[in-house]
Amino acid sequence: MPTASFSVTRRQRLLAALTIVCLFCAACATQEVMTRREGLALQAEVAALRERLQQLEATIAKTTAAAEPTVVQPVKWADTADTSRRLGRSEAPVVIVEFSDLQCPYCRRFDEQTFPWLRREYIDTGKVRFESRDFPLDFHPQAMAAALLARCAAARGKFWDWRTAIFQQQGALATNGLEQAANAVALTAADRASCATQATTQRALIQAEAAAASAIGVRGTPSFLIGRVVNGQVEGQLLVGAGLPETFRKRIDPLLKP
């Protein structure tokens, strides 16, 4: 699916082309040199451009709708003592469990646009504990490899550095992006070789985590379970999509009240 920004660029180009055609028509009409055949041809071209523009606007609307967050029914997720993919105070009153695909462009958008704010306002202030969980999508061919290396980095205390590095290399994952990200976080060849011996086990754990997420209703990435820990489980609602800060604020603040 094309991103909204790419579609907008194409729309701008079509608008420019449409303007040029219209100006050309006007110039020719003024000079009275356009033949009937030329006029009909230009009218057909303008009509085709308008139709294509409408199609692109419809695509933009669908893409934007897909990226907008939605809230679904309350769910529960088993809490864990694993701190390797956790940020924030363990006893924070609110817990956010993120389900992410490291090749997902919307996950990258969340990490770049909303996550720094969330970390500054809620995680670093002790109000929210944030945890990341694996949900590699089948149609992202490099997502599993990125998740395996993420666990390798997590075992060495470098998960969050890896997350930043891999999103920066997301456009190059099919070539040398994974290696570049590994180099950026000092995940050495020896580290990777050691982790490769555990790849089968780690792959099974990733698949089990994704299956558990599917069982509570996760269908796409990024998704976020926002809630509180009750009897060893995170109880809350799923927020689906790379929401803006205000979307998260509306979900978090009511949970902070006594």
Foldseek 3Di string as FASTA:
>chain_A
DDALVVLVVVLVVLVVVLVVLVVVVVVCVVVVPDDPVNVVVSVVVNVVSVVVSVVSVVVSVVNVVQQAKDWDDKFKAFDDPDCLFKAADPQAFKEKEKEAFLLDVQQLVLVPAPVVVCCVPARVVRNYMYGYAYAHDPVPVCRLVLVLVLVLCSVVSRNVQLSVQSSVLSVPSVPCSVVRSCVSSVCDPVSVVVSVVCSVVVSVVNVVRNVVVVVRPDDDPTKMFMAGDDPRMGIGIIMHHSDHNVVVCVRRVVSSDD
